[in-house]
Amino acid sequence: VFTMNLSAPFIIDFFNEPLKAALQYVDILFGNETEAQSLADKEGWATKDVKEIAVKAQAMEKKGKARMVVFTQGSTCTVVATADGATTYDVEKVENIVDTN
């Protein structure tokens, strides 16, 4: 299983060709809503809907079995897209978060 995180919008903007070359082998793609929007903009997808972007990212060229896409949105729902469609998952509110970064 080959997983990848989009990591940051600048990766999509400045390293798009190597990213696209790698994406065809990615089984599970992770990202957040900002990275999803950057991917949509770079691909020319005229949408800001994260669920729709996840479906389009899932359908991008892929070698082997179908890809899964997981886009987080902070305190908003997480979107998971598979070959069977996209599902949203509510995020439970967490109190007293300690950022150790």
PDB file of N, CA and C in Angstrom:
ATOM      1  N   VAL A   1       0.847  -1.172   0.000  1.00  0.00           N
ATOM      2  CA  VAL A   1       0.000   0.000   0.000  1.00  0.00           C
ATOM      3  C   VAL A   1       0.892   1.234   0.000  1.00  0.00           C
ATOM      4  N   PHE A   2       0.657   2.118  -0.952  1.00  0.00           N
ATOM      5  CA  PHE A   2       1.430   3.354  -1.103  1.00  0.00           C
ATOM      6  C   PHE A   2       0.521   4.519  -0.726  1.00  0.00           C
ATOM      7  N   THR A   3       0.888   5.230   0.337  1.00  0.00           N
ATOM      8  CA  THR A   3       0.100   6.382   0.773  1.00  0.00           C
ATOM      9  C   THR A   3       0.906   7.658   0.564  1.00  0.00           C
ATOM     10  N   MET A   4       0.196   8.764   0.393  1.00  0.00           N
ATOM     11  CA  MET A   4       0.860  10.056   0.215  1.00  0.00           C
ATOM     12  C   MET A   4      -0.011  11.149   0.823  1.00  0.00           C
ATOM     13  N   ASN A   5       0.646  12.122   1.417  1.00  0.00           N
ATOM     14  CA  ASN A   5      -0.024  13.310   1.916  1.00  0.00           C
ATOM     15  C   ASN A   5       0.357  14.458   0.992  1.00  0.00           C
ATOM     16  N   LEU A   6      -0.608  15.243   0.579  1.00  0.00           N
ATOM     17  CA  LEU A   6      -0.304  16.378  -0.298  1.00  0.00           C
ATOM     18  C   LEU A   6       0.604  17.396   0.376  1.00  0.00           C
ATOM     19  N   SER A   7       0.629  17.425   1.681  1.00  0.00           N
ATOM     20  CA  SER A   7       1.602  18.156   2.502  1.00  0.00           C
ATOM     21  C   SER A   7       1.427  19.654   2.579  1.00  0.00           C
ATOM     22  N   ALA A   8       1.320  20.329   1.450  1.00  0.00           N
ATOM     23  CA  ALA A   8       1.201  21.790   1.448  1.00  0.00           C
ATOM     24  C   ALA A   8       0.825  22.258   0.048  1.00  0.00           C
ATOM     25  N   PRO A   9       0.086  23.364  -0.060  1.00  0.00           N
ATOM     26  CA  PRO A   9      -0.292  23.859  -1.387  1.00  0.00           C
ATOM     27  C   PRO A   9       0.906  24.127  -2.304  1.00  0.00           C
ATOM     28  N   PHE A  10       2.036  24.547  -1.760  1.00  0.00           N
ATOM     29  CA  PHE A  10       3.166  24.851  -2.636  1.00  0.00           C
ATOM     30  C   PHE A  10       3.715  23.599  -3.328  1.00  0.00           C
ATOM     31  N   ILE A  11       3.533  22.436  -2.725  1.00  0.00           N
ATOM     32  CA  ILE A  11       3.956  21.191  -3.373  1.00  0.00           C
ATOM     33  C   ILE A  11       3.159  21.011  -4.663  1.00  0.00           C
ATOM     34  N   ILE A  12       1.869  21.232  -4.584  1.00  0.00           N
ATOM     35  CA  ILE A  12       0.994  21.101  -5.748  1.00  0.00           C
ATOM     36  C   ILE A  12       1.335  22.163  -6.784  1.00  0.00           C
ATOM     37  N   ASP A  13       1.597  23.378  -6.331  1.00  0.00           N
ATOM     38  CA  ASP A  13       1.870  24.487  -7.244  1.00  0.00           C
ATOM     39  C   ASP A  13       3.232  24.384  -7.927  1.00  0.00           C
ATOM     40  N   PHE A  14       4.263  24.028  -7.180  1.00  0.00           N
ATOM     41  CA  PHE A  14       5.626  24.088  -7.719  1.00  0.00           C
ATOM     42  C   PHE A  14       6.213  22.741  -8.125  1.00  0.00           C
ATOM     43  N   PHE A  15       5.618  21.648  -7.691  1.00  0.00           N
ATOM     44  CA  PHE A  15       6.132  20.323  -8.020  1.00  0.00           C
ATOM     45  C   PHE A  15       5.020  19.461  -8.619  1.00  0.00           C
ATOM     46  N   ASN A  16       4.179  20.068  -9.435  1.00  0.00           N
ATOM     47  CA  ASN A  16       3.003  19.400  -9.958  1.00  0.00           C
ATOM     48  C   ASN A  16       3.332  18.203 -10.846  1.00  0.00           C
ATOM     49  N   GLU A  17       4.294  18.322 -11.726  1.00  0.00           N
ATOM     50  CA  GLU A  17       4.613  17.204 -12.626  1.00  0.00           C
ATOM     51  C   GLU A  17       5.135  15.987 -11.868  1.00  0.00           C
ATOM     52  N   PRO A  18       6.120  16.145 -10.955  1.00  0.00           N
ATOM     53  CA  PRO A  18       6.538  14.967 -10.183  1.00  0.00           C
ATOM     54  C   PRO A  18       5.407  14.414  -9.306  1.00  0.00           C
ATOM     55  N   LEU A  19       4.568  15.302  -8.782  1.00  0.00           N
ATOM     56  CA  LEU A  19       3.436  14.870  -7.969  1.00  0.00           C
ATOM     57  C   LEU A  19       2.486  14.020  -8.799  1.00  0.00           C
ATOM     58  N   LYS A  20       2.145  14.491  -9.995  1.00  0.00           N
ATOM     59  CA  LYS A  20       1.229  13.744 -10.854  1.00  0.00           C
ATOM     60  C   LYS A  20       1.821  12.404 -11.276  1.00  0.00           C
ATOM     61  N   ALA A  21       3.125  12.366 -11.480  1.00  0.00           N
ATOM     62  CA  ALA A  21       3.778  11.103 -11.831  1.00  0.00           C
ATOM     63  C   ALA A  21       3.657  10.101 -10.684  1.00  0.00           C
ATOM     64  N   ALA A  22       3.797  10.580  -9.462  1.00  0.00           N
ATOM     65  CA  ALA A  22       3.692   9.703  -8.295  1.00  0.00           C
ATOM     66  C   ALA A  22       2.249   9.318  -8.006  1.00  0.00           C
ATOM     67  N   LEU A  23       1.310  10.241  -8.236  1.00  0.00           N
ATOM     68  CA  LEU A  23      -0.094   9.994  -7.881  1.00  0.00           C
ATOM     69  C   LEU A  23      -0.683   8.769  -8.563  1.00  0.00           C
ATOM     70  N   GLN A  24      -0.192   8.423  -9.738  1.00  0.00           N
ATOM     71  CA  GLN A  24      -0.760   7.267 -10.429  1.00  0.00           C
ATOM     72  C   GLN A  24      -0.512   5.949  -9.685  1.00  0.00           C
ATOM     73  N   TYR A  25       0.416   5.991  -8.712  1.00  0.00           N
ATOM     74  CA  TYR A  25       0.713   4.800  -7.914  1.00  0.00           C
ATOM     75  C   TYR A  25       0.152   4.879  -6.487  1.00  0.00           C
ATOM     76  N   VAL A  26      -0.400   6.019  -6.114  1.00  0.00           N
ATOM     77  CA  VAL A  26      -0.866   6.243  -4.739  1.00  0.00           C
ATOM     78  C   VAL A  26      -2.189   5.513  -4.496  1.00  0.00           C
ATOM     79  N   ASP A  27      -2.180   4.653  -3.468  1.00  0.00           N
ATOM     80  CA  ASP A  27      -3.386   3.912  -3.092  1.00  0.00           C
ATOM     81  C   ASP A  27      -4.289   4.731  -2.183  1.00  0.00           C
ATOM     82  N   ILE A  28      -3.692   5.465  -1.251  1.00  0.00           N
ATOM     83  CA  ILE A  28      -4.463   6.314  -0.334  1.00  0.00           C
ATOM     84  C   ILE A  28      -3.828   7.700  -0.330  1.00  0.00           C
ATOM     85  N   LEU A  29      -4.610   8.710  -0.698  1.00  0.00           N
ATOM     86  CA  LEU A  29      -4.145  10.092  -0.760  1.00  0.00           C
ATOM     87  C   LEU A  29      -4.785  10.880   0.379  1.00  0.00           C
ATOM     88  N   PHE A  30      -3.948  11.554   1.153  1.00  0.00           N
ATOM     89  CA  PHE A  30      -4.411  12.381   2.261  1.00  0.00           C
ATOM     90  C   PHE A  30      -4.166  13.854   1.952  1.00  0.00           C
ATOM     91  N   GLY A  31      -5.003  14.716   2.496  1.00  0.00           N
ATOM     92  CA  GLY A  31      -4.802  16.155   2.383  1.00  0.00           C
ATOM     93  C   GLY A  31      -5.829  16.878   3.231  1.00  0.00           C
ATOM     94  N   ASN A  32      -5.671  18.193   3.308  1.00  0.00           N
ATOM     95  CA  ASN A  32      -6.666  19.004   4.007  1.00  0.00           C
ATOM     96  C   ASN A  32      -7.425  19.836   2.978  1.00  0.00           C
ATOM     97  N   GLU A  33      -8.356  20.644   3.443  1.00  0.00           N
ATOM     98  CA  GLU A  33      -9.209  21.396   2.520  1.00  0.00           C
ATOM     99  C   GLU A  33      -8.432  22.409   1.684  1.00  0.00           C
ATOM    100  N   THR A  34      -7.383  22.993   2.222  1.00  0.00           N
ATOM    101  CA  THR A  34      -6.570  23.964   1.473  1.00  0.00           C
ATOM    102  C   THR A  34      -5.796  23.262   0.361  1.00  0.00           C
ATOM    103  N   GLU A  35      -5.232  22.115   0.685  1.00  0.00           N
ATOM    104  CA  GLU A  35      -4.499  21.330  -0.319  1.00  0.00           C
ATOM    105  C   GLU A  35      -5.454  20.802  -1.388  1.00  0.00           C
ATOM    106  N   ALA A  36      -6.653  20.398  -0.982  1.00  0.00           N
ATOM    107  CA  ALA A  36      -7.660  19.939  -1.942  1.00  0.00           C
ATOM    108  C   ALA A  36      -8.000  21.055  -2.924  1.00  0.00           C
ATOM    109  N   GLN A  37      -8.181  22.273  -2.420  1.00  0.00           N
ATOM    110  CA  GLN A  37      -8.493  23.396  -3.295  1.00  0.00           C
ATOM    111  C   GLN A  37      -7.346  23.709  -4.239  1.00  0.00           C
ATOM    112  N   SER A  38      -6.121  23.623  -3.757  1.00  0.00           N
ATOM    113  CA  SER A  38      -4.950  23.839  -4.620  1.00  0.00           C
ATOM    114  C   SER A  38      -4.906  22.808  -5.737  1.00  0.00           C
ATOM    115  N   LEU A  39      -5.201  21.545  -5.397  1.00  0.00           N
ATOM    116  CA  LEU A  39      -5.232  20.489  -6.409  1.00  0.00           C
ATOM    117  C   LEU A  39      -6.312  20.784  -7.443  1.00  0.00           C
ATOM    118  N   ALA A  40      -7.492  21.176  -6.978  1.00  0.00           N
ATOM    119  CA  ALA A  40      -8.591  21.500  -7.897  1.00  0.00           C
ATOM    120  C   ALA A  40      -8.215  22.654  -8.819  1.00  0.00           C
ATOM    121  N   ASP A  41      -7.607  23.687  -8.262  1.00  0.00           N
ATOM    122  CA  ASP A  41      -7.191  24.841  -9.068  1.00  0.00           C
ATOM    123  C   ASP A  41      -6.167  24.430 -10.125  1.00  0.00           C
ATOM    124  N   LYS A  42      -5.187  23.636  -9.716  1.00  0.00           N
ATOM    125  CA  LYS A  42      -4.121  23.217 -10.634  1.00  0.00           C
ATOM    126  C   LYS A  42      -4.664  22.319 -11.739  1.00  0.00           C
ATOM    127  N   GLU A  43      -5.650  21.479 -11.398  1.00  0.00           N
ATOM    128  CA  GLU A  43      -6.243  20.564 -12.375  1.00  0.00           C
ATOM    129  C   GLU A  43      -7.311  21.233 -13.237  1.00  0.00           C
ATOM    130  N   GLY A  44      -7.696  22.464 -12.880  1.00  0.00           N
ATOM    131  CA  GLY A  44      -8.711  23.176 -13.646  1.00  0.00           C
ATOM    132  C   GLY A  44     -10.128  22.739 -13.330  1.00  0.00           C
ATOM    133  N   TRP A  45     -10.327  22.158 -12.144  1.00  0.00           N
ATOM    134  CA  TRP A  45     -11.657  21.752 -11.728  1.00  0.00           C
ATOM    135  C   TRP A  45     -12.371  22.972 -11.154  1.00  0.00           C
ATOM    136  N   ALA A  46     -13.424  23.385 -11.763  1.00  0.00           N
ATOM    137  CA  ALA A  46     -14.130  24.601 -11.354  1.00  0.00           C
ATOM    138  C   ALA A  46     -15.071  24.310 -10.189  1.00  0.00           C
ATOM    139  N   THR A  47     -14.498  23.990  -9.050  1.00  0.00           N
ATOM    140  CA  THR A  47     -15.305  23.720  -7.863  1.00  0.00           C
ATOM    141  C   THR A  47     -14.512  24.055  -6.609  1.00  0.00           C
ATOM    142  N   LYS A  48     -15.225  24.403  -5.573  1.00  0.00           N
ATOM    143  CA  LYS A  48     -14.626  24.607  -4.255  1.00  0.00           C
ATOM    144  C   LYS A  48     -15.176  23.588  -3.261  1.00  0.00           C
ATOM    145  N   ASP A  49     -16.036  22.692  -3.749  1.00  0.00           N
ATOM    146  CA  ASP A  49     -16.662  21.677  -2.915  1.00  0.00           C
ATOM    147  C   ASP A  49     -15.655  20.544  -2.657  1.00  0.00           C
ATOM    148  N   VAL A  50     -15.256  20.373  -1.402  1.00  0.00           N
ATOM    149  CA  VAL A  50     -14.223  19.399  -1.048  1.00  0.00           C
ATOM    150  C   VAL A  50     -14.661  17.974  -1.393  1.00  0.00           C
ATOM    151  N   LYS A  51     -15.925  17.673  -1.222  1.00  0.00           N
ATOM    152  CA  LYS A  51     -16.425  16.338  -1.567  1.00  0.00           C
ATOM    153  C   LYS A  51     -16.282  16.081  -3.065  1.00  0.00           C
ATOM    154  N   GLU A  52     -16.631  17.053  -3.868  1.00  0.00           N
ATOM    155  CA  GLU A  52     -16.495  16.917  -5.321  1.00  0.00           C
ATOM    156  C   GLU A  52     -15.027  16.802  -5.723  1.00  0.00           C
ATOM    157  N   ILE A  53     -14.162  17.569  -5.077  1.00  0.00           N
ATOM    158  CA  ILE A  53     -12.726  17.490  -5.360  1.00  0.00           C
ATOM    159  C   ILE A  53     -12.197  16.102  -4.997  1.00  0.00           C
ATOM    160  N   ALA A  54     -12.645  15.558  -3.877  1.00  0.00           N
ATOM    161  CA  ALA A  54     -12.213  14.220  -3.473  1.00  0.00           C
ATOM    162  C   ALA A  54     -12.608  13.176  -4.512  1.00  0.00           C
ATOM    163  N   VAL A  55     -13.816  13.281  -5.038  1.00  0.00           N
ATOM    164  CA  VAL A  55     -14.286  12.346  -6.067  1.00  0.00           C
ATOM    165  C   VAL A  55     -13.422  12.474  -7.317  1.00  0.00           C
ATOM    166  N   LYS A  56     -13.115  13.688  -7.721  1.00  0.00           N
ATOM    167  CA  LYS A  56     -12.291  13.906  -8.910  1.00  0.00           C
ATOM    168  C   LYS A  56     -10.860  13.408  -8.685  1.00  0.00           C
ATOM    169  N   ALA A  57     -10.314  13.630  -7.502  1.00  0.00           N
ATOM    170  CA  ALA A  57      -8.964  13.153  -7.185  1.00  0.00           C
ATOM    171  C   ALA A  57      -8.933  11.634  -7.176  1.00  0.00           C
ATOM    172  N   GLN A  58      -9.984  11.018  -6.665  1.00  0.00           N
ATOM    173  CA  GLN A  58     -10.064   9.561  -6.635  1.00  0.00           C
ATOM    174  C   GLN A  58     -10.065   8.998  -8.055  1.00  0.00           C
ATOM    175  N   ALA A  59     -10.677   9.717  -8.986  1.00  0.00           N
ATOM    176  CA  ALA A  59     -10.823   9.246 -10.365  1.00  0.00           C
ATOM    177  C   ALA A  59      -9.615   9.553 -11.247  1.00  0.00           C
ATOM    178  N   MET A  60      -8.622  10.251 -10.722  1.00  0.00           N
ATOM    179  CA  MET A  60      -7.425  10.536 -11.516  1.00  0.00           C
ATOM    180  C   MET A  60      -6.735   9.223 -11.902  1.00  0.00           C
ATOM    181  N   GLU A  61      -5.944   9.275 -12.969  1.00  0.00           N
ATOM    182  CA  GLU A  61      -5.262   8.072 -13.457  1.00  0.00           C
ATOM    183  C   GLU A  61      -4.576   7.324 -12.317  1.00  0.00           C
ATOM    184  N   LYS A  62      -4.772   6.004 -12.304  1.00  0.00           N
ATOM    185  CA  LYS A  62      -4.225   5.176 -11.221  1.00  0.00           C
ATOM    186  C   LYS A  62      -3.817   3.825 -11.784  1.00  0.00           C
ATOM    187  N   LYS A  63      -2.616   3.386 -11.477  1.00  0.00           N
ATOM    188  CA  LYS A  63      -2.156   2.044 -11.830  1.00  0.00           C
ATOM    189  C   LYS A  63      -2.631   1.084 -10.741  1.00  0.00           C
ATOM    190  N   GLY A  64      -3.164  -0.063 -11.131  1.00  0.00           N
ATOM    191  CA  GLY A  64      -3.604  -1.055 -10.156  1.00  0.00           C
ATOM    192  C   GLY A  64      -4.979  -0.751  -9.597  1.00  0.00           C
ATOM    193  N   LYS A  65      -5.188  -1.183  -8.340  1.00  0.00           N
ATOM    194  CA  LYS A  65      -6.509  -1.039  -7.720  1.00  0.00           C
ATOM    195  C   LYS A  65      -6.878   0.425  -7.500  1.00  0.00           C
ATOM    196  N   ALA A  66      -8.160   0.664  -7.277  1.00  0.00           N
ATOM    197  CA  ALA A  66      -8.673   2.026  -7.133  1.00  0.00           C
ATOM    198  C   ALA A  66      -8.084   2.736  -5.911  1.00  0.00           C
ATOM    199  N   ARG A  67      -7.989   4.040  -6.019  1.00  0.00           N
ATOM    200  CA  ARG A  67      -7.437   4.893  -4.967  1.00  0.00           C
ATOM    201  C   ARG A  67      -8.530   5.307  -3.979  1.00  0.00           C
ATOM    202  N   MET A  68      -8.109   5.552  -2.737  1.00  0.00           N
ATOM    203  CA  MET A  68      -8.957   6.163  -1.723  1.00  0.00           C
ATOM    204  C   MET A  68      -8.399   7.560  -1.457  1.00  0.00           C
ATOM    205  N   VAL A  69      -9.276   8.536  -1.300  1.00  0.00           N
ATOM    206  CA  VAL A  69      -8.863   9.907  -0.998  1.00  0.00           C
ATOM    207  C   VAL A  69      -9.503  10.313   0.327  1.00  0.00           C
ATOM    208  N   VAL A  70      -8.677  10.881   1.219  1.00  0.00           N
ATOM    209  CA  VAL A  70      -9.157  11.340   2.524  1.00  0.00           C
ATOM    210  C   VAL A  70      -8.770  12.811   2.674  1.00  0.00           C
ATOM    211  N   PHE A  71      -9.773  13.678   2.736  1.00  0.00           N
ATOM    212  CA  PHE A  71      -9.531  15.110   2.929  1.00  0.00           C
ATOM    213  C   PHE A  71     -10.128  15.528   4.273  1.00  0.00           C
ATOM    214  N   THR A  72      -9.284  16.051   5.135  1.00  0.00           N
ATOM    215  CA  THR A  72      -9.736  16.584   6.411  1.00  0.00           C
ATOM    216  C   THR A  72     -10.072  18.057   6.242  1.00  0.00           C
ATOM    217  N   GLN A  73     -10.879  18.571   7.170  1.00  0.00           N
ATOM    218  CA  GLN A  73     -11.288  19.978   7.113  1.00  0.00           C
ATOM    219  C   GLN A  73     -11.334  20.577   8.512  1.00  0.00           C
ATOM    220  N   GLY A  74     -10.313  20.292   9.315  1.00  0.00           N
ATOM    221  CA  GLY A  74     -10.291  20.821  10.668  1.00  0.00           C
ATOM    222  C   GLY A  74     -11.478  20.329  11.460  1.00  0.00           C
ATOM    223  N   SER A  75     -12.269  21.247  12.009  1.00  0.00           N
ATOM    224  CA  SER A  75     -13.422  20.866  12.825  1.00  0.00           C
ATOM    225  C   SER A  75     -14.650  20.525  11.989  1.00  0.00           C
ATOM    226  N   THR A  76     -14.541  20.701  10.671  1.00  0.00           N
ATOM    227  CA  THR A  76     -15.626  20.335   9.764  1.00  0.00           C
ATOM    228  C   THR A  76     -15.431  18.873   9.354  1.00  0.00           C
ATOM    229  N   CYS A  77     -16.400  18.294   8.720  1.00  0.00           N
ATOM    230  CA  CYS A  77     -16.364  16.871   8.380  1.00  0.00           C
ATOM    231  C   CYS A  77     -15.136  16.468   7.561  1.00  0.00           C
ATOM    232  N   THR A  78     -14.770  15.193   7.695  1.00  0.00           N
ATOM    233  CA  THR A  78     -13.731  14.582   6.868  1.00  0.00           C
ATOM    234  C   THR A  78     -14.433  13.905   5.710  1.00  0.00           C
ATOM    235  N   VAL A  79     -13.834  14.018   4.515  1.00  0.00           N
ATOM    236  CA  VAL A  79     -14.405  13.427   3.309  1.00  0.00           C
ATOM    237  C   VAL A  79     -13.533  12.252   2.887  1.00  0.00           C
ATOM    238  N   VAL A  80     -14.171  11.112   2.616  1.00  0.00           N
ATOM    239  CA  VAL A  80     -13.471   9.929   2.119  1.00  0.00           C
ATOM    240  C   VAL A  80     -14.117   9.530   0.797  1.00  0.00           C
ATOM    241  N   ALA A  81     -13.300   9.476  -0.265  1.00  0.00           N
ATOM    242  CA  ALA A  81     -13.801   9.085  -1.580  1.00  0.00           C
ATOM    243  C   ALA A  81     -13.144   7.775  -2.000  1.00  0.00           C
ATOM    244  N   THR A  82     -13.981   6.849  -2.470  1.00  0.00           N
ATOM    245  CA  THR A  82     -13.510   5.579  -3.011  1.00  0.00           C
ATOM    246  C   THR A  82     -14.169   5.398  -4.379  1.00  0.00           C
ATOM    247  N   ALA A  83     -13.907   4.277  -5.006  1.00  0.00           N
ATOM    248  CA  ALA A  83     -14.531   3.994  -6.299  1.00  0.00           C
ATOM    249  C   ALA A  83     -16.053   3.906  -6.184  1.00  0.00           C
ATOM    250  N   ASP A  84     -16.554   3.690  -4.966  1.00  0.00           N
ATOM    251  CA  ASP A  84     -17.993   3.584  -4.736  1.00  0.00           C
ATOM    252  C   ASP A  84     -18.675   4.917  -4.455  1.00  0.00           C
ATOM    253  N   GLY A  85     -17.891   6.009  -4.377  1.00  0.00           N
ATOM    254  CA  GLY A  85     -18.458   7.322  -4.102  1.00  0.00           C
ATOM    255  C   GLY A  85     -17.793   7.974  -2.905  1.00  0.00           C
ATOM    256  N   ALA A  86     -18.361   9.065  -2.454  1.00  0.00           N
ATOM    257  CA  ALA A  86     -17.774   9.830  -1.348  1.00  0.00           C
ATOM    258  C   ALA A  86     -18.710   9.826  -0.149  1.00  0.00           C
ATOM    259  N   THR A  87     -18.092   9.771   1.022  1.00  0.00           N
ATOM    260  CA  THR A  87     -18.816   9.784   2.284  1.00  0.00           C
ATOM    261  C   THR A  87     -18.192  10.842   3.177  1.00  0.00           C
ATOM    262  N   THR A  88     -19.017  11.521   3.968  1.00  0.00           N
ATOM    263  CA  THR A  88     -18.500  12.484   4.936  1.00  0.00           C
ATOM    264  C   THR A  88     -18.654  11.916   6.337  1.00  0.00           C
ATOM    265  N   TYR A  89     -17.696  12.263   7.184  1.00  0.00           N
ATOM    266  CA  TYR A  89     -17.695  11.813   8.572  1.00  0.00           C
ATOM    267  C   TYR A  89     -17.577  13.030   9.474  1.00  0.00           C
ATOM    268  N   ASP A  90     -18.539  13.174  10.363  1.00  0.00           N
ATOM    269  CA  ASP A  90     -18.493  14.282  11.313  1.00  0.00           C
ATOM    270  C   ASP A  90     -17.277  14.144  12.221  1.00  0.00           C
ATOM    271  N   VAL A  91     -16.769  15.271  12.650  1.00  0.00           N
ATOM    272  CA  VAL A  91     -15.614  15.306  13.545  1.00  0.00           C
ATOM    273  C   VAL A  91     -16.110  15.688  14.929  1.00  0.00           C
ATOM    274  N   GLU A  92     -15.747  14.887  15.888  1.00  0.00           N
ATOM    275  CA  GLU A  92     -16.149  15.160  17.258  1.00  0.00           C
ATOM    276  C   GLU A  92     -15.360  16.347  17.801  1.00  0.00           C
ATOM    277  N   LYS A  93     -16.059  17.255  18.461  1.00  0.00           N
ATOM    278  CA  LYS A  93     -15.404  18.419  19.029  1.00  0.00           C
ATOM    279  C   LYS A  93     -14.499  17.988  20.191  1.00  0.00           C
ATOM    280  N   VAL A  94     -13.291  18.519  20.189  1.00  0.00           N
ATOM    281  CA  VAL A  94     -12.319  18.204  21.233  1.00  0.00           C
ATOM    282  C   VAL A  94     -12.010  19.480  22.003  1.00  0.00           C
ATOM    283  N   GLU A  95     -12.054  19.379  23.300  1.00  0.00           N
ATOM    284  CA  GLU A  95     -11.753  20.524  24.166  1.00  0.00           C
ATOM    285  C   GLU A  95     -10.288  20.471  24.612  1.00  0.00           C
ATOM    286  N   ASN A  96      -9.743  21.614  24.909  1.00  0.00           N
ATOM    287  CA  ASN A  96      -8.400  21.716  25.511  1.00  0.00           C
ATOM    288  C   ASN A  96      -7.314  21.039  24.683  1.00  0.00           C
ATOM    289  N   ILE A  97      -7.212  21.400  23.424  1.00  0.00           N
ATOM    290  CA  ILE A  97      -6.181  20.854  22.560  1.00  0.00           C
ATOM    291  C   ILE A  97      -4.847  21.501  22.917  1.00  0.00           C
ATOM    292  N   VAL A  98      -3.813  20.671  23.021  1.00  0.00           N
ATOM    293  CA  VAL A  98      -2.456  21.172  23.296  1.00  0.00           C
ATOM    294  C   VAL A  98      -1.626  20.923  22.047  1.00  0.00           C
ATOM    295  N   ASP A  99      -1.161  21.992  21.405  1.00  0.00           N
ATOM    296  CA  ASP A  99      -0.334  21.887  20.211  1.00  0.00           C
ATOM    297  C   ASP A  99       1.109  21.664  20.655  1.00  0.00           C
ATOM    298  N   THR A 100       1.672  20.520  20.356  1.00  0.00           N
ATOM    299  CA  THR A 100       3.044  20.205  20.774  1.00  0.00           C
ATOM    300  C   THR A 100       4.046  20.453  19.650  1.00  0.00           C
ATOM    301  N   ASN A 101       3.595  21.063  18.589  1.00  0.00           N
ATOM    302  CA  ASN A 101       4.470  21.339  17.454  1.00  0.00           C
ATOM    303  C   ASN A 101       5.384  22.512  17.723  1.00  0.00           C
TER     304      ASN A 101
END
